[in-house]
Amino acid sequence: MAKESIKARERKKEATVAKYAAKRAALKAAGDYLGLDKLPKNASPVRLHNRCKLTGRPRGYMRKFGINRVTFREMASAGLIPGVTKSSW
């Protein structure tokens, strides 16, 4: 489980990216790189990192489900994810 401060920092980055998205797009379209440089560093979407919605784990993230591989396996085995079954052949 990730620390709460790390998860909060990531949420803060997401909010900053959303806040400056329109302004960033306008500056980029205009080619105003000096204006882009004056925006906060965390306004860039490149600085975001995918984290598990339940545990906050940064590695092994599965985009389709929004959770990491460990949580996915636990939930799939418990039957909590619709349409996912353990394979057998």
C-alpha atoms as a PDB file:
ATOM      1  CA  MET A   1       0.000   0.000   0.000  1.00  0.00           C
ATOM      2  CA  ALA A   2       1.386   3.370  -0.976  1.00  0.00           C
ATOM      3  CA  LYS A   3       1.685   6.158   1.536  1.00  0.00           C
ATOM      4  CA  GLU A   4      -1.239   8.566   1.646  1.00  0.00           C
ATOM      5  CA  SER A   5       1.084  11.492   0.947  1.00  0.00           C
ATOM      6  CA  ILE A   6       2.231   9.921  -2.326  1.00  0.00           C
ATOM      7  CA  LYS A   7      -1.354   9.245  -3.428  1.00  0.00           C
ATOM      8  CA  ALA A   8      -2.341  12.805  -2.480  1.00  0.00           C
ATOM      9  CA  ARG A   9       0.593  14.210  -4.456  1.00  0.00           C
ATOM     10  CA  GLU A  10      -0.526  12.293  -7.535  1.00  0.00           C
ATOM     11  CA  ARG A  11      -4.121  13.544  -7.160  1.00  0.00           C
ATOM     12  CA  LYS A  12      -2.786  17.104  -6.851  1.00  0.00           C
ATOM     13  CA  LYS A  13      -0.816  16.668 -10.082  1.00  0.00           C
ATOM     14  CA  GLU A  14      -3.947  15.381 -11.845  1.00  0.00           C
ATOM     15  CA  ALA A  15      -5.886  18.451 -10.711  1.00  0.00           C
ATOM     16  CA  THR A  16      -3.114  20.778 -11.908  1.00  0.00           C
ATOM     17  CA  VAL A  17      -2.995  19.074 -15.315  1.00  0.00           C
ATOM     18  CA  ALA A  18      -6.771  19.429 -15.673  1.00  0.00           C
ATOM     19  CA  LYS A  19      -6.679  23.081 -14.574  1.00  0.00           C
ATOM     20  CA  TYR A  20      -4.085  24.120 -17.156  1.00  0.00           C
ATOM     21  CA  ALA A  21      -5.112  21.774 -20.021  1.00  0.00           C
ATOM     22  CA  ALA A  22      -6.963  24.401 -22.075  1.00  0.00           C
ATOM     23  CA  LYS A  23      -4.306  27.072 -21.530  1.00  0.00           C
ATOM     24  CA  ARG A  24      -1.562  24.591 -22.443  1.00  0.00           C
ATOM     25  CA  ALA A  25      -3.338  23.598 -25.650  1.00  0.00           C
ATOM     26  CA  ALA A  26      -3.808  27.235 -26.664  1.00  0.00           C
ATOM     27  CA  LEU A  27      -0.169  28.120 -26.009  1.00  0.00           C
ATOM     28  CA  LYS A  28       1.010  25.031 -27.878  1.00  0.00           C
ATOM     29  CA  ALA A  29      -1.200  25.807 -30.882  1.00  0.00           C
ATOM     30  CA  ALA A  30       0.115  29.382 -30.950  1.00  0.00           C
ATOM     31  CA  GLY A  31       3.704  28.157 -30.686  1.00  0.00           C
ATOM     32  CA  ASP A  32       4.321  30.310 -27.598  1.00  0.00           C
ATOM     33  CA  TYR A  33       7.062  28.284 -25.922  1.00  0.00           C
ATOM     34  CA  LEU A  34       7.976  31.063 -23.512  1.00  0.00           C
ATOM     35  CA  GLY A  35       4.405  31.062 -22.231  1.00  0.00           C
ATOM     36  CA  LEU A  36       4.510  27.277 -21.887  1.00  0.00           C
ATOM     37  CA  ASP A  37       7.735  27.570 -19.929  1.00  0.00           C
ATOM     38  CA  LYS A  38       6.036  29.844 -17.391  1.00  0.00           C
ATOM     39  CA  LEU A  39       3.345  27.284 -16.555  1.00  0.00           C
ATOM     40  CA  PRO A  40       3.934  25.093 -13.479  1.00  0.00           C
ATOM     41  CA  LYS A  41       5.998  21.963 -14.098  1.00  0.00           C
ATOM     42  CA  ASN A  42       3.201  19.768 -12.778  1.00  0.00           C
ATOM     43  CA  ALA A  43       0.831  21.170 -15.412  1.00  0.00           C
ATOM     44  CA  SER A  44       2.453  18.828 -17.930  1.00  0.00           C
ATOM     45  CA  PRO A  45       0.600  15.518 -18.390  1.00  0.00           C
ATOM     46  CA  VAL A  46       3.922  13.743 -18.904  1.00  0.00           C
ATOM     47  CA  ARG A  47       4.629  14.064 -15.184  1.00  0.00           C
ATOM     48  CA  LEU A  48       1.606  11.938 -14.242  1.00  0.00           C
ATOM     49  CA  HIS A  49       2.123   8.298 -13.318  1.00  0.00           C
ATOM     50  CA  ASN A  50      -0.554   5.625 -13.415  1.00  0.00           C
ATOM     51  CA  ARG A  51      -1.324   4.230  -9.962  1.00  0.00           C
ATOM     52  CA  CYS A  52      -3.688   1.564  -8.704  1.00  0.00           C
ATOM     53  CA  LYS A  53      -7.002   3.135  -7.654  1.00  0.00           C
ATOM     54  CA  LEU A  54      -7.260   0.869  -4.617  1.00  0.00           C
ATOM     55  CA  THR A  55      -3.736   0.540  -3.272  1.00  0.00           C
ATOM     56  CA  GLY A  56      -1.764   3.294  -4.984  1.00  0.00           C
ATOM     57  CA  ARG A  57       0.886   0.857  -6.243  1.00  0.00           C
ATOM     58  CA  PRO A  58       2.766   2.430  -9.182  1.00  0.00           C
ATOM     59  CA  ARG A  59       4.028  -0.752 -10.831  1.00  0.00           C
ATOM     60  CA  GLY A  60       2.171  -3.492 -12.665  1.00  0.00           C
ATOM     61  CA  TYR A  61      -0.690  -1.129 -13.555  1.00  0.00           C
ATOM     62  CA  MET A  62      -3.376  -2.519 -15.875  1.00  0.00           C
ATOM     63  CA  ARG A  63      -4.992   0.317 -17.838  1.00  0.00           C
ATOM     64  CA  LYS A  64      -8.132  -1.584 -18.754  1.00  0.00           C
ATOM     65  CA  PHE A  65      -9.068  -2.090 -15.108  1.00  0.00           C
ATOM     66  CA  GLY A  66      -7.286   0.820 -13.389  1.00  0.00           C
ATOM     67  CA  ILE A  67      -5.690  -1.458 -10.806  1.00  0.00           C
ATOM     68  CA  ASN A  68      -2.370  -3.238 -10.413  1.00  0.00           C
ATOM     69  CA  ARG A  69      -1.691  -6.888 -11.220  1.00  0.00           C
ATOM     70  CA  VAL A  70      -1.655  -8.043  -7.590  1.00  0.00           C
ATOM     71  CA  THR A  71      -5.019  -6.484  -6.752  1.00  0.00           C
ATOM     72  CA  PHE A  72      -6.389  -7.701 -10.087  1.00  0.00           C
ATOM     73  CA  ARG A  73      -5.429 -11.286  -9.319  1.00  0.00           C
ATOM     74  CA  GLU A  74      -6.972 -11.166  -5.847  1.00  0.00           C
ATOM     75  CA  MET A  75     -10.197  -9.636  -7.125  1.00  0.00           C
ATOM     76  CA  ALA A  76     -10.424 -11.979 -10.140  1.00  0.00           C
ATOM     77  CA  SER A  77      -9.917 -15.041  -7.936  1.00  0.00           C
ATOM     78  CA  ALA A  78     -12.635 -13.810  -5.598  1.00  0.00           C
ATOM     79  CA  GLY A  79     -14.973 -13.257  -8.572  1.00  0.00           C
ATOM     80  CA  LEU A  80     -15.242  -9.492  -8.041  1.00  0.00           C
ATOM     81  CA  ILE A  81     -14.410  -8.503 -11.631  1.00  0.00           C
ATOM     82  CA  PRO A  82     -17.270  -9.222 -14.068  1.00  0.00           C
ATOM     83  CA  GLY A  83     -16.338 -11.197 -17.175  1.00  0.00           C
ATOM     84  CA  VAL A  84     -12.964 -12.346 -15.838  1.00  0.00           C
ATOM     85  CA  THR A  85     -12.509 -16.029 -15.138  1.00  0.00           C
ATOM     86  CA  LYS A  86      -9.500 -18.181 -14.409  1.00  0.00           C
ATOM     87  CA  SER A  87      -8.364 -19.841 -17.598  1.00  0.00           C
ATOM     88  CA  SER A  88      -8.250 -23.604 -17.989  1.00  0.00           C
ATOM     89  CA  TRP A  89      -7.384 -25.722 -20.986  1.00  0.00           C
END
